[in-house]
PDB file of N, CA and C in Angstrom:
ATOM      1  N   MET A   1     -28.704  34.398 -36.645  1.00  0.00           N
ATOM      2  CA  MET A   1     -28.966  33.109 -37.277  1.00  0.00           C
ATOM      3  C   MET A   1     -27.902  32.866 -38.360  1.00  0.00           C
ATOM      4  N   PRO A   2     -27.342  31.647 -38.384  1.00  0.00           N
ATOM      5  CA  PRO A   2     -26.284  31.392 -39.371  1.00  0.00           C
ATOM      6  C   PRO A   2     -26.818  31.456 -40.801  1.00  0.00           C
ATOM      7  N   ASP A   3     -25.936  31.861 -41.679  1.00  0.00           N
ATOM      8  CA  ASP A   3     -26.239  31.858 -43.104  1.00  0.00           C
ATOM      9  C   ASP A   3     -26.573  30.423 -43.522  1.00  0.00           C
ATOM     10  N   SER A   4     -27.647  30.253 -44.315  1.00  0.00           N
ATOM     11  CA  SER A   4     -28.051  28.890 -44.701  1.00  0.00           C
ATOM     12  C   SER A   4     -26.955  28.141 -45.447  1.00  0.00           C
ATOM     13  N   ASN A   5     -26.209  28.850 -46.289  1.00  0.00           N
ATOM     14  CA  ASN A   5     -25.125  28.173 -47.011  1.00  0.00           C
ATOM     15  C   ASN A   5     -24.016  27.742 -46.061  1.00  0.00           C
ATOM     16  N   ALA A   6     -23.708  28.553 -45.072  1.00  0.00           N
ATOM     17  CA  ALA A   6     -22.685  28.188 -44.093  1.00  0.00           C
ATOM     18  C   ALA A   6     -23.136  26.975 -43.288  1.00  0.00           C
ATOM     19  N   LEU A   7     -24.406  26.946 -42.944  1.00  0.00           N
ATOM     20  CA  LEU A   7     -24.951  25.804 -42.202  1.00  0.00           C
ATOM     21  C   LEU A   7     -24.922  24.537 -43.040  1.00  0.00           C
ATOM     22  N   ARG A   8     -25.295  24.662 -44.301  1.00  0.00           N
ATOM     23  CA  ARG A   8     -25.248  23.488 -45.198  1.00  0.00           C
ATOM     24  C   ARG A   8     -23.820  22.983 -45.369  1.00  0.00           C
ATOM     25  N   LYS A   9     -22.891  23.902 -45.474  1.00  0.00           N
ATOM     26  CA  LYS A   9     -21.477  23.509 -45.604  1.00  0.00           C
ATOM     27  C   LYS A   9     -21.020  22.777 -44.342  1.00  0.00           C
ATOM     28  N   PHE A  10     -21.393  23.298 -43.179  1.00  0.00           N
ATOM     29  CA  PHE A  10     -21.052  22.648 -41.916  1.00  0.00           C
ATOM     30  C   PHE A  10     -21.615  21.227 -41.872  1.00  0.00           C
ATOM     31  N   LYS A  11     -22.884  21.073 -42.226  1.00  0.00           N
ATOM     32  CA  LYS A  11     -23.515  19.747 -42.236  1.00  0.00           C
ATOM     33  C   LYS A  11     -22.788  18.808 -43.197  1.00  0.00           C
ATOM     34  N   ALA A  12     -22.467  19.314 -44.378  1.00  0.00           N
ATOM     35  CA  ALA A  12     -21.771  18.490 -45.372  1.00  0.00           C
ATOM     36  C   ALA A  12     -20.415  18.027 -44.838  1.00  0.00           C
ATOM     37  N   GLU A  13     -19.714  18.904 -44.141  1.00  0.00           N
ATOM     38  CA  GLU A  13     -18.403  18.535 -43.592  1.00  0.00           C
ATOM     39  C   GLU A  13     -18.539  17.448 -42.524  1.00  0.00           C
ATOM     40  N   ILE A  14     -19.581  17.531 -41.712  1.00  0.00           N
ATOM     41  CA  ILE A  14     -19.814  16.495 -40.705  1.00  0.00           C
ATOM     42  C   ILE A  14     -20.112  15.169 -41.391  1.00  0.00           C
ATOM     43  N   PHE A  15     -21.001  15.200 -42.387  1.00  0.00           N
ATOM     44  CA  PHE A  15     -21.325  13.957 -43.094  1.00  0.00           C
ATOM     45  C   PHE A  15     -20.107  13.401 -43.830  1.00  0.00           C
ATOM     46  N   GLN A  16     -19.271  14.280 -44.382  1.00  0.00           N
ATOM     47  CA  GLN A  16     -18.050  13.806 -45.037  1.00  0.00           C
ATOM     48  C   GLN A  16     -17.135  13.111 -44.030  1.00  0.00           C
ATOM     49  N   ALA A  17     -17.017  13.683 -42.852  1.00  0.00           N
ATOM     50  CA  ALA A  17     -16.161  13.081 -41.824  1.00  0.00           C
ATOM     51  C   ALA A  17     -16.708  11.723 -41.395  1.00  0.00           C
ATOM     52  N   LEU A  18     -18.013  11.578 -41.430  1.00  0.00           N
ATOM     53  CA  LEU A  18     -18.629  10.312 -41.019  1.00  0.00           C
ATOM     54  C   LEU A  18     -18.882   9.385 -42.204  1.00  0.00           C
ATOM     55  N   ALA A  19     -18.363   9.731 -43.360  1.00  0.00           N
ATOM     56  CA  ALA A  19     -18.642   8.965 -44.575  1.00  0.00           C
ATOM     57  C   ALA A  19     -17.802   7.701 -44.694  1.00  0.00           C
ATOM     58  N   HIS A  20     -17.434   7.136 -43.574  1.00  0.00           N
ATOM     59  CA  HIS A  20     -16.710   5.864 -43.574  1.00  0.00           C
ATOM     60  C   HIS A  20     -17.244   5.035 -42.419  1.00  0.00           C
ATOM     61  N   PRO A  21     -17.565   3.761 -42.674  1.00  0.00           N
ATOM     62  CA  PRO A  21     -18.136   2.920 -41.607  1.00  0.00           C
ATOM     63  C   PRO A  21     -17.275   2.856 -40.342  1.00  0.00           C
ATOM     64  N   THR A  22     -15.971   2.910 -40.485  1.00  0.00           N
ATOM     65  CA  THR A  22     -15.101   2.856 -39.299  1.00  0.00           C
ATOM     66  C   THR A  22     -15.261   4.103 -38.448  1.00  0.00           C
ATOM     67  N   ARG A  23     -15.379   5.255 -39.085  1.00  0.00           N
ATOM     68  CA  ARG A  23     -15.543   6.485 -38.310  1.00  0.00           C
ATOM     69  C   ARG A  23     -16.907   6.523 -37.621  1.00  0.00           C
ATOM     70  N   ILE A  24     -17.911   5.982 -38.266  1.00  0.00           N
ATOM     71  CA  ILE A  24     -19.227   5.877 -37.617  1.00  0.00           C
ATOM     72  C   ILE A  24     -19.124   4.931 -36.424  1.00  0.00           C
ATOM     73  N   ALA A  25     -18.431   3.823 -36.598  1.00  0.00           N
ATOM     74  CA  ALA A  25     -18.260   2.868 -35.492  1.00  0.00           C
ATOM     75  C   ALA A  25     -17.536   3.529 -34.318  1.00  0.00           C
ATOM     76  N   ILE A  26     -16.540   4.336 -34.608  1.00  0.00           N
ATOM     77  CA  ILE A  26     -15.822   5.036 -33.546  1.00  0.00           C
ATOM     78  C   ILE A  26     -16.777   5.968 -32.798  1.00  0.00           C
ATOM     79  N   ALA A  27     -17.558   6.741 -33.550  1.00  0.00           N
ATOM     80  CA  ALA A  27     -18.517   7.653 -32.915  1.00  0.00           C
ATOM     81  C   ALA A  27     -19.528   6.875 -32.080  1.00  0.00           C
ATOM     82  N   GLU A  28     -19.971   5.741 -32.582  1.00  0.00           N
ATOM     83  CA  GLU A  28     -20.963   4.946 -31.845  1.00  0.00           C
ATOM     84  C   GLU A  28     -20.401   4.413 -30.529  1.00  0.00           C
ATOM     85  N   ILE A  29     -19.152   3.950 -30.532  1.00  0.00           N
ATOM     86  CA  ILE A  29     -18.619   3.430 -29.266  1.00  0.00           C
ATOM     87  C   ILE A  29     -18.257   4.555 -28.296  1.00  0.00           C
ATOM     88  N   LEU A  30     -17.931   5.728 -28.820  1.00  0.00           N
ATOM     89  CA  LEU A  30     -17.591   6.839 -27.939  1.00  0.00           C
ATOM     90  C   LEU A  30     -18.818   7.470 -27.296  1.00  0.00           C
ATOM     91  N   ARG A  31     -19.983   7.166 -27.799  1.00  0.00           N
ATOM     92  CA  ARG A  31     -21.196   7.727 -27.183  1.00  0.00           C
ATOM     93  C   ARG A  31     -21.392   7.187 -25.776  1.00  0.00           C
ATOM     94  N   ASN A  32     -20.755   6.061 -25.476  1.00  0.00           N
ATOM     95  CA  ASN A  32     -20.865   5.470 -24.144  1.00  0.00           C
ATOM     96  C   ASN A  32     -19.814   6.012 -23.179  1.00  0.00           C
ATOM     97  N   GLY A  33     -18.951   6.894 -23.661  1.00  0.00           N
ATOM     98  CA  GLY A  33     -17.948   7.478 -22.792  1.00  0.00           C
ATOM     99  C   GLY A  33     -16.570   7.462 -23.421  1.00  0.00           C
ATOM    100  N   GLU A  34     -15.665   8.077 -22.717  1.00  0.00           N
ATOM    101  CA  GLU A  34     -14.293   8.239 -23.164  1.00  0.00           C
ATOM    102  C   GLU A  34     -13.561   6.897 -23.228  1.00  0.00           C
ATOM    103  N   LEU A  35     -12.748   6.750 -24.275  1.00  0.00           N
ATOM    104  CA  LEU A  35     -11.900   5.567 -24.440  1.00  0.00           C
ATOM    105  C   LEU A  35     -10.531   6.006 -24.934  1.00  0.00           C
ATOM    106  N   SER A  36      -9.528   5.209 -24.614  1.00  0.00           N
ATOM    107  CA  SER A  36      -8.198   5.494 -25.143  1.00  0.00           C
ATOM    108  C   SER A  36      -8.145   5.060 -26.605  1.00  0.00           C
ATOM    109  N   ALA A  37      -7.179   5.612 -27.313  1.00  0.00           N
ATOM    110  CA  ALA A  37      -6.992   5.223 -28.714  1.00  0.00           C
ATOM    111  C   ALA A  37      -6.773   3.719 -28.804  1.00  0.00           C
ATOM    112  N   GLY A  38      -5.983   3.174 -27.884  1.00  0.00           N
ATOM    113  CA  GLY A  38      -5.729   1.728 -27.879  1.00  0.00           C
ATOM    114  C   GLY A  38      -6.995   0.909 -27.682  1.00  0.00           C
ATOM    115  N   GLN A  39      -7.864   1.367 -26.797  1.00  0.00           N
ATOM    116  CA  GLN A  39      -9.130   0.653 -26.566  1.00  0.00           C
ATOM    117  C   GLN A  39     -10.012   0.690 -27.812  1.00  0.00           C
ATOM    118  N   ILE A  40     -10.075   1.839 -28.457  1.00  0.00           N
ATOM    119  CA  ILE A  40     -10.880   1.980 -29.678  1.00  0.00           C
ATOM    120  C   ILE A  40     -10.359   1.032 -30.745  1.00  0.00           C
ATOM    121  N   ILE A  41      -9.050   1.050 -30.942  1.00  0.00           N
ATOM    122  CA  ILE A  41      -8.420   0.204 -31.958  1.00  0.00           C
ATOM    123  C   ILE A  41      -8.660  -1.268 -31.657  1.00  0.00           C
ATOM    124  N   GLU A  42      -8.554  -1.644 -30.386  1.00  0.00           N
ATOM    125  CA  GLU A  42      -8.773  -3.038 -29.997  1.00  0.00           C
ATOM    126  C   GLU A  42     -10.240  -3.444 -30.168  1.00  0.00           C
ATOM    127  N   LEU A  43     -11.159  -2.605 -29.704  1.00  0.00           N
ATOM    128  CA  LEU A  43     -12.586  -2.929 -29.804  1.00  0.00           C
ATOM    129  C   LEU A  43     -13.041  -3.093 -31.250  1.00  0.00           C
ATOM    130  N   LEU A  44     -12.503  -2.262 -32.125  1.00  0.00           N
ATOM    131  CA  LEU A  44     -12.918  -2.305 -33.531  1.00  0.00           C
ATOM    132  C   LEU A  44     -12.004  -3.172 -34.391  1.00  0.00           C
ATOM    133  N   GLU A  45     -11.013  -3.785 -33.751  1.00  0.00           N
ATOM    134  CA  GLU A  45     -10.070  -4.674 -34.449  1.00  0.00           C
ATOM    135  C   GLU A  45      -9.442  -3.977 -35.656  1.00  0.00           C
ATOM    136  N   LEU A  46      -8.877  -2.801 -35.406  1.00  0.00           N
ATOM    137  CA  LEU A  46      -8.255  -2.010 -36.455  1.00  0.00           C
ATOM    138  C   LEU A  46      -6.739  -2.145 -36.395  1.00  0.00           C
ATOM    139  N   GLU A  47      -6.106  -1.920 -37.515  1.00  0.00           N
ATOM    140  CA  GLU A  47      -4.666  -1.750 -37.520  1.00  0.00           C
ATOM    141  C   GLU A  47      -4.394  -0.406 -36.860  1.00  0.00           C
ATOM    142  N   GLN A  48      -3.296  -0.293 -36.132  1.00  0.00           N
ATOM    143  CA  GLN A  48      -3.005   0.917 -35.381  1.00  0.00           C
ATOM    144  C   GLN A  48      -2.950   2.148 -36.288  1.00  0.00           C
ATOM    145  N   ALA A  49      -2.257   2.050 -37.404  1.00  0.00           N
ATOM    146  CA  ALA A  49      -2.116   3.184 -38.323  1.00  0.00           C
ATOM    147  C   ALA A  49      -3.472   3.594 -38.891  1.00  0.00           C
ATOM    148  N   ASN A  50      -4.291   2.604 -39.238  1.00  0.00           N
ATOM    149  CA  ASN A  50      -5.613   2.872 -39.799  1.00  0.00           C
ATOM    150  C   ASN A  50      -6.507   3.557 -38.769  1.00  0.00           C
ATOM    151  N   GLY A  51      -6.496   3.046 -37.546  1.00  0.00           N
ATOM    152  CA  GLY A  51      -7.289   3.648 -36.479  1.00  0.00           C
ATOM    153  C   GLY A  51      -6.861   5.079 -36.212  1.00  0.00           C
ATOM    154  N   SER A  52      -5.567   5.309 -36.204  1.00  0.00           N
ATOM    155  CA  SER A  52      -5.045   6.658 -35.979  1.00  0.00           C
ATOM    156  C   SER A  52      -5.487   7.619 -37.075  1.00  0.00           C
ATOM    157  N   GLN A  53      -5.507   7.157 -38.317  1.00  0.00           N
ATOM    158  CA  GLN A  53      -5.952   8.003 -39.431  1.00  0.00           C
ATOM    159  C   GLN A  53      -7.416   8.404 -39.263  1.00  0.00           C
ATOM    160  N   HIS A  54      -8.250   7.429 -38.908  1.00  0.00           N
ATOM    161  CA  HIS A  54      -9.678   7.725 -38.733  1.00  0.00           C
ATOM    162  C   HIS A  54      -9.894   8.676 -37.558  1.00  0.00           C
ATOM    163  N   LEU A  55      -9.180   8.463 -36.480  1.00  0.00           N
ATOM    164  CA  LEU A  55      -9.298   9.363 -35.328  1.00  0.00           C
ATOM    165  C   LEU A  55      -8.833  10.773 -35.685  1.00  0.00           C
ATOM    166  N   ALA A  56      -7.815  10.882 -36.514  1.00  0.00           N
ATOM    167  CA  ALA A  56      -7.325  12.194 -36.942  1.00  0.00           C
ATOM    168  C   ALA A  56      -8.385  12.942 -37.747  1.00  0.00           C
ATOM    169  N   VAL A  57      -9.094  12.226 -38.612  1.00  0.00           N
ATOM    170  CA  VAL A  57     -10.170  12.856 -39.393  1.00  0.00           C
ATOM    171  C   VAL A  57     -11.261  13.367 -38.455  1.00  0.00           C
ATOM    172  N   LEU A  58     -11.663  12.539 -37.509  1.00  0.00           N
ATOM    173  CA  LEU A  58     -12.712  12.928 -36.564  1.00  0.00           C
ATOM    174  C   LEU A  58     -12.270  14.106 -35.689  1.00  0.00           C
ATOM    175  N   ARG A  59     -11.015  14.116 -35.332  1.00  0.00           N
ATOM    176  CA  ARG A  59     -10.468  15.218 -34.537  1.00  0.00           C
ATOM    177  C   ARG A  59     -10.427  16.505 -35.361  1.00  0.00           C
ATOM    178  N   ALA A  60      -9.976  16.392 -36.606  1.00  0.00           N
ATOM    179  CA  ALA A  60      -9.870  17.570 -37.479  1.00  0.00           C
ATOM    180  C   ALA A  60     -11.235  18.205 -37.732  1.00  0.00           C
ATOM    181  N   LYS A  61     -12.253  17.410 -37.810  1.00  0.00           N
ATOM    182  CA  LYS A  61     -13.610  17.930 -38.048  1.00  0.00           C
ATOM    183  C   LYS A  61     -14.330  18.241 -36.744  1.00  0.00           C
ATOM    184  N   ARG A  62     -13.601  18.147 -35.629  1.00  0.00           N
ATOM    185  CA  ARG A  62     -14.114  18.501 -34.304  1.00  0.00           C
ATOM    186  C   ARG A  62     -15.325  17.659 -33.888  1.00  0.00           C
ATOM    187  N   ILE A  63     -15.319  16.411 -34.315  1.00  0.00           N
ATOM    188  CA  ILE A  63     -16.370  15.473 -33.914  1.00  0.00           C
ATOM    189  C   ILE A  63     -15.999  14.829 -32.589  1.00  0.00           C
ATOM    190  N   VAL A  64     -14.706  14.616 -32.391  1.00  0.00           N
ATOM    191  CA  VAL A  64     -14.223  14.064 -31.124  1.00  0.00           C
ATOM    192  C   VAL A  64     -13.242  15.038 -30.498  1.00  0.00           C
ATOM    193  N   THR A  65     -13.081  14.898 -29.194  1.00  0.00           N
ATOM    194  CA  THR A  65     -12.047  15.646 -28.479  1.00  0.00           C
ATOM    195  C   THR A  65     -11.004  14.641 -28.010  1.00  0.00           C
ATOM    196  N   ALA A  66      -9.799  15.114 -27.869  1.00  0.00           N
ATOM    197  CA  ALA A  66      -8.699  14.260 -27.428  1.00  0.00           C
ATOM    198  C   ALA A  66      -8.099  14.851 -26.154  1.00  0.00           C
ATOM    199  N   ARG A  67      -7.782  13.956 -25.225  1.00  0.00           N
ATOM    200  CA  ARG A  67      -7.156  14.354 -23.964  1.00  0.00           C
ATOM    201  C   ARG A  67      -5.964  13.445 -23.740  1.00  0.00           C
ATOM    202  N   LYS A  68      -4.801  14.046 -23.552  1.00  0.00           N
ATOM    203  CA  LYS A  68      -3.591  13.257 -23.351  1.00  0.00           C
ATOM    204  C   LYS A  68      -3.373  13.051 -21.856  1.00  0.00           C
ATOM    205  N   ALA A  69      -3.109  11.807 -21.500  1.00  0.00           N
ATOM    206  CA  ALA A  69      -2.790  11.457 -20.108  1.00  0.00           C
ATOM    207  C   ALA A  69      -1.592  10.520 -20.148  1.00  0.00           C
ATOM    208  N   GLY A  70      -0.437  11.034 -19.775  1.00  0.00           N
ATOM    209  CA  GLY A  70       0.776  10.218 -19.877  1.00  0.00           C
ATOM    210  C   GLY A  70       1.076   9.942 -21.330  1.00  0.00           C
ATOM    211  N   ASN A  71       1.235   8.675 -21.655  1.00  0.00           N
ATOM    212  CA  ASN A  71       1.524   8.309 -23.043  1.00  0.00           C
ATOM    213  C   ASN A  71       0.275   7.854 -23.799  1.00  0.00           C
ATOM    214  N   GLN A  72      -0.894   8.053 -23.197  1.00  0.00           N
ATOM    215  CA  GLN A  72      -2.143   7.659 -23.856  1.00  0.00           C
ATOM    216  C   GLN A  72      -2.961   8.883 -24.242  1.00  0.00           C
ATOM    217  N   VAL A  73      -3.744   8.709 -25.316  1.00  0.00           N
ATOM    218  CA  VAL A  73      -4.677   9.743 -25.738  1.00  0.00           C
ATOM    219  C   VAL A  73      -6.074   9.164 -25.586  1.00  0.00           C
ATOM    220  N   PHE A  74      -6.931   9.912 -24.896  1.00  0.00           N
ATOM    221  CA  PHE A  74      -8.310   9.494 -24.660  1.00  0.00           C
ATOM    222  C   PHE A  74      -9.235  10.334 -25.524  1.00  0.00           C
ATOM    223  N   TYR A  75     -10.207   9.678 -26.138  1.00  0.00           N
ATOM    224  CA  TYR A  75     -11.140  10.343 -27.041  1.00  0.00           C
ATOM    225  C   TYR A  75     -12.551  10.284 -26.483  1.00  0.00           C
ATOM    226  N   SER A  76     -13.310  11.322 -26.800  1.00  0.00           N
ATOM    227  CA  SER A  76     -14.733  11.334 -26.470  1.00  0.00           C
ATOM    228  C   SER A  76     -15.460  12.140 -27.539  1.00  0.00           C
ATOM    229  N   LEU A  77     -16.767  11.921 -27.647  1.00  0.00           N
ATOM    230  CA  LEU A  77     -17.566  12.716 -28.577  1.00  0.00           C
ATOM    231  C   LEU A  77     -17.605  14.153 -28.065  1.00  0.00           C
ATOM    232  N   ARG A  78     -17.477  15.075 -28.959  1.00  0.00           N
ATOM    233  CA  ARG A  78     -17.521  16.487 -28.579  1.00  0.00           C
ATOM    234  C   ARG A  78     -18.916  16.871 -28.094  1.00  0.00           C
ATOM    235  N   ASP A  79     -19.953  16.295 -28.714  1.00  0.00           N
ATOM    236  CA  ASP A  79     -21.320  16.672 -28.371  1.00  0.00           C
ATOM    237  C   ASP A  79     -22.215  15.442 -28.430  1.00  0.00           C
ATOM    238  N   ARG A  80     -23.026  15.270 -27.400  1.00  0.00           N
ATOM    239  CA  ARG A  80     -23.942  14.121 -27.334  1.00  0.00           C
ATOM    240  C   ARG A  80     -24.967  14.133 -28.461  1.00  0.00           C
ATOM    241  N   ALA A  81     -25.200  15.301 -29.047  1.00  0.00           N
ATOM    242  CA  ALA A  81     -26.174  15.410 -30.136  1.00  0.00           C
ATOM    243  C   ALA A  81     -25.810  14.483 -31.289  1.00  0.00           C
ATOM    244  N   LEU A  82     -24.518  14.242 -31.479  1.00  0.00           N
ATOM    245  CA  LEU A  82     -24.108  13.349 -32.560  1.00  0.00           C
ATOM    246  C   LEU A  82     -24.652  11.942 -32.333  1.00  0.00           C
ATOM    247  N   GLY A  83     -24.657  11.473 -31.093  1.00  0.00           N
ATOM    248  CA  GLY A  83     -25.252  10.171 -30.783  1.00  0.00           C
ATOM    249  C   GLY A  83     -26.724  10.144 -31.128  1.00  0.00           C
ATOM    250  N   GLU A  84     -27.415  11.248 -30.877  1.00  0.00           N
ATOM    251  CA  GLU A  84     -28.833  11.341 -31.216  1.00  0.00           C
ATOM    252  C   GLU A  84     -29.033  11.303 -32.729  1.00  0.00           C
ATOM    253  N   ILE A  85     -28.133  11.948 -33.462  1.00  0.00           N
ATOM    254  CA  ILE A  85     -28.203  11.923 -34.930  1.00  0.00           C
ATOM    255  C   ILE A  85     -28.008  10.496 -35.426  1.00  0.00           C
ATOM    256  N   LEU A  86     -27.042   9.790 -34.853  1.00  0.00           N
ATOM    257  CA  LEU A  86     -26.813   8.395 -35.251  1.00  0.00           C
ATOM    258  C   LEU A  86     -28.024   7.531 -34.924  1.00  0.00           C
ATOM    259  N   ASP A  87     -28.684   7.796 -33.788  1.00  0.00           N
ATOM    260  CA  ASP A  87     -29.918   7.075 -33.449  1.00  0.00           C
ATOM    261  C   ASP A  87     -31.003   7.350 -34.482  1.00  0.00           C
ATOM    262  N   SER A  88     -31.128   8.599 -34.889  1.00  0.00           N
ATOM    263  CA  SER A  88     -32.127   8.961 -35.899  1.00  0.00           C
ATOM    264  C   SER A  88     -31.844   8.247 -37.216  1.00  0.00           C
ATOM    265  N   LEU A  89     -30.577   8.173 -37.585  1.00  0.00           N
ATOM    266  CA  LEU A  89     -30.216   7.463 -38.816  1.00  0.00           C
ATOM    267  C   LEU A  89     -30.498   5.971 -38.707  1.00  0.00           C
ATOM    268  N   ARG A  90     -30.309   5.396 -37.507  1.00  0.00           N
ATOM    269  CA  ARG A  90     -30.640   3.988 -37.295  1.00  0.00           C
ATOM    270  C   ARG A  90     -32.140   3.768 -37.490  1.00  0.00           C
ATOM    271  N   ALA A  91     -32.954   4.647 -36.920  1.00  0.00           N
ATOM    272  CA  ALA A  91     -34.408   4.547 -37.057  1.00  0.00           C
ATOM    273  C   ALA A  91     -34.817   4.709 -38.524  1.00  0.00           C
ATOM    274  N   TYR A  92     -34.189   5.635 -39.218  1.00  0.00           N
ATOM    275  CA  TYR A  92     -34.460   5.839 -40.650  1.00  0.00           C
ATOM    276  C   TYR A  92     -34.134   4.568 -41.435  1.00  0.00           C
ATOM    277  N   PHE A  93     -32.985   3.967 -41.145  1.00  0.00           N
ATOM    278  CA  PHE A  93     -32.554   2.731 -41.797  1.00  0.00           C
ATOM    279  C   PHE A  93     -33.551   1.600 -41.544  1.00  0.00           C
ATOM    280  N   GLN A  94     -34.000   1.474 -40.294  1.00  0.00           N
ATOM    281  CA  GLN A  94     -34.955   0.415 -39.958  1.00  0.00           C
ATOM    282  C   GLN A  94     -36.280   0.606 -40.701  1.00  0.00           C
ATOM    283  N   ARG A  95     -36.748   1.853 -40.812  1.00  0.00           N
ATOM    284  CA  ARG A  95     -37.966   2.120 -41.594  1.00  0.00           C
ATOM    285  C   ARG A  95     -37.739   1.766 -43.055  1.00  0.00           C
ATOM    286  N   TYR A  96     -36.586   2.124 -43.579  1.00  0.00           N
ATOM    287  CA  TYR A  96     -36.244   1.809 -44.961  1.00  0.00           C
ATOM    288  C   TYR A  96     -36.282   0.297 -45.194  1.00  0.00           C
ATOM    289  N   LEU A  97     -35.693  -0.466 -44.257  1.00  0.00           N
ATOM    290  CA  LEU A  97     -35.691  -1.922 -44.400  1.00  0.00           C
ATOM    291  C   LEU A  97     -37.102  -2.496 -44.344  1.00  0.00           C
ATOM    292  N   ARG A  98     -37.927  -1.977 -43.428  1.00  0.00           N
ATOM    293  CA  ARG A  98     -39.318  -2.458 -43.335  1.00  0.00           C
ATOM    294  C   ARG A  98     -40.071  -2.194 -44.636  1.00  0.00           C
ATOM    295  N   GLU A  99     -39.887  -1.008 -45.191  1.00  0.00           N
ATOM    296  CA  GLU A  99     -40.550  -0.677 -46.454  1.00  0.00           C
ATOM    297  C   GLU A  99     -40.054  -1.556 -47.586  1.00  0.00           C
ATOM    298  N   ALA A 100     -38.755  -1.786 -47.650  1.00  0.00           N
ATOM    299  CA  ALA A 100     -38.189  -2.640 -48.699  1.00  0.00           C
ATOM    300  C   ALA A 100     -38.707  -4.065 -48.550  1.00  0.00           C
ATOM    301  N   LYS A 101     -38.790  -4.546 -47.315  1.00  0.00           N
ATOM    302  CA  LYS A 101     -39.306  -5.896 -47.074  1.00  0.00           C
ATOM    303  C   LYS A 101     -40.766  -5.992 -47.507  1.00  0.00           C
ATOM    304  N   ALA A 102     -41.567  -4.982 -47.162  1.00  0.00           N
ATOM    305  CA  ALA A 102     -42.980  -4.979 -47.561  1.00  0.00           C
ATOM    306  C   ALA A 102     -43.106  -4.964 -49.082  1.00  0.00           C
ATOM    307  N   ASP A 103     -42.273  -4.188 -49.757  1.00  0.00           N
ATOM    308  CA  ASP A 103     -42.291  -4.142 -51.220  1.00  0.00           C
ATOM    309  C   ASP A 103     -41.953  -5.511 -51.810  1.00  0.00           C
ATOM    310  N   LEU A 104     -40.927  -6.160 -51.253  1.00  0.00           N
ATOM    311  CA  LEU A 104     -40.540  -7.485 -51.753  1.00  0.00           C
ATOM    312  C   LEU A 104     -41.642  -8.509 -51.519  1.00  0.00           C
ATOM    313  N   GLU A 105     -42.273  -8.451 -50.356  1.00  0.00           N
ATOM    314  CA  GLU A 105     -43.366  -9.380 -50.066  1.00  0.00           C
ATOM    315  C   GLU A 105     -44.538  -9.148 -51.006  1.00  0.00           C
ATOM    316  N   SER A 106     -44.802  -7.899 -51.342  1.00  0.00           N
ATOM    317  CA  SER A 106     -45.876  -7.565 -52.271  1.00  0.00           C
ATOM    318  C   SER A 106     -45.577  -8.125 -53.661  1.00  0.00           C
ATOM    319  N   VAL A 107     -44.353  -7.951 -54.119  1.00  0.00           N
ATOM    320  CA  VAL A 107     -43.947  -8.489 -55.418  1.00  0.00           C
ATOM    321  C   VAL A 107     -44.039 -10.010 -55.405  1.00  0.00           C
ATOM    322  N   SER A 108     -43.610 -10.622 -54.319  1.00  0.00           N
ATOM    323  CA  SER A 108     -43.653 -12.076 -54.204  1.00  0.00           C
ATOM    324  C   SER A 108     -45.088 -12.590 -54.260  1.00  0.00           C
ATOM    325  N   ARG A 109     -46.004 -11.885 -53.576  1.00  0.00           N
ATOM    326  CA  ARG A 109     -47.413 -12.295 -53.611  1.00  0.00           C
ATOM    327  C   ARG A 109     -47.980 -12.176 -55.016  1.00  0.00           C
ATOM    328  N   LEU A 110     -47.641 -11.096 -55.716  1.00  0.00           N
ATOM    329  CA  LEU A 110     -48.116 -10.911 -57.083  1.00  0.00           C
ATOM    330  C   LEU A 110     -47.590 -12.003 -58.013  1.00  0.00           C
ATOM    331  N   GLU A 111     -46.316 -12.356 -57.831  1.00  0.00           N
ATOM    332  CA  GLU A 111     -45.726 -13.424 -58.646  1.00  0.00           C
ATOM    333  C   GLU A 111     -46.399 -14.754 -58.363  1.00  0.00           C
ATOM    334  N   SER A 112     -46.715 -15.019 -57.105  1.00  0.00           N
ATOM    335  CA  SER A 112     -47.368 -16.281 -56.721  1.00  0.00           C
ATOM    336  C   SER A 112     -48.743 -16.386 -57.345  1.00  0.00           C
ATOM    337  N   ARG A 113     -49.462 -15.298 -57.405  1.00  0.00           N
ATOM    338  CA  ARG A 113     -50.813 -15.304 -57.984  1.00  0.00           C
ATOM    339  C   ARG A 113     -50.795 -15.508 -59.478  1.00  0.00           C
ATOM    340  N   SER A 114     -49.731 -15.034 -60.124  1.00  0.00           N
ATOM    341  CA  SER A 114     -49.682 -15.125 -61.591  1.00  0.00           C
ATOM    342  C   SER A 114     -49.197 -16.491 -62.081  1.00  0.00           C
ATOM    343  N   ARG A 115     -48.818 -17.341 -61.169  1.00  0.00           N
ATOM    344  CA  ARG A 115     -48.325 -18.672 -61.594  1.00  0.00           C
ATOM    345  C   ARG A 115     -49.428 -19.633 -61.816  1.00  0.00           C
TER     346      ARG A 115
END
């Protein structure tokens, strides 16, 4: 069993690599399958240099794999589990929004009664 500190460090490194909305967007589109760097850049409307930097971070942290074919590089998620993690975070976000909305509605009702 891995050392708990080593596991926490690994998790932190993954979250650091995903700590940018563009890198999350890249991971989300790659969950549907392999894409070339050009396709990723075009789909996300990125500048080429910017897209390359984000892909390099994801590659360095072993979140994506790269395969060269001719003059193109194709990327894919290293592990499907990452897509599941992103789904879990989406569900967490949606629960958070529902709770925040309920809180706001409660405050609004209280304000209406006090008028």
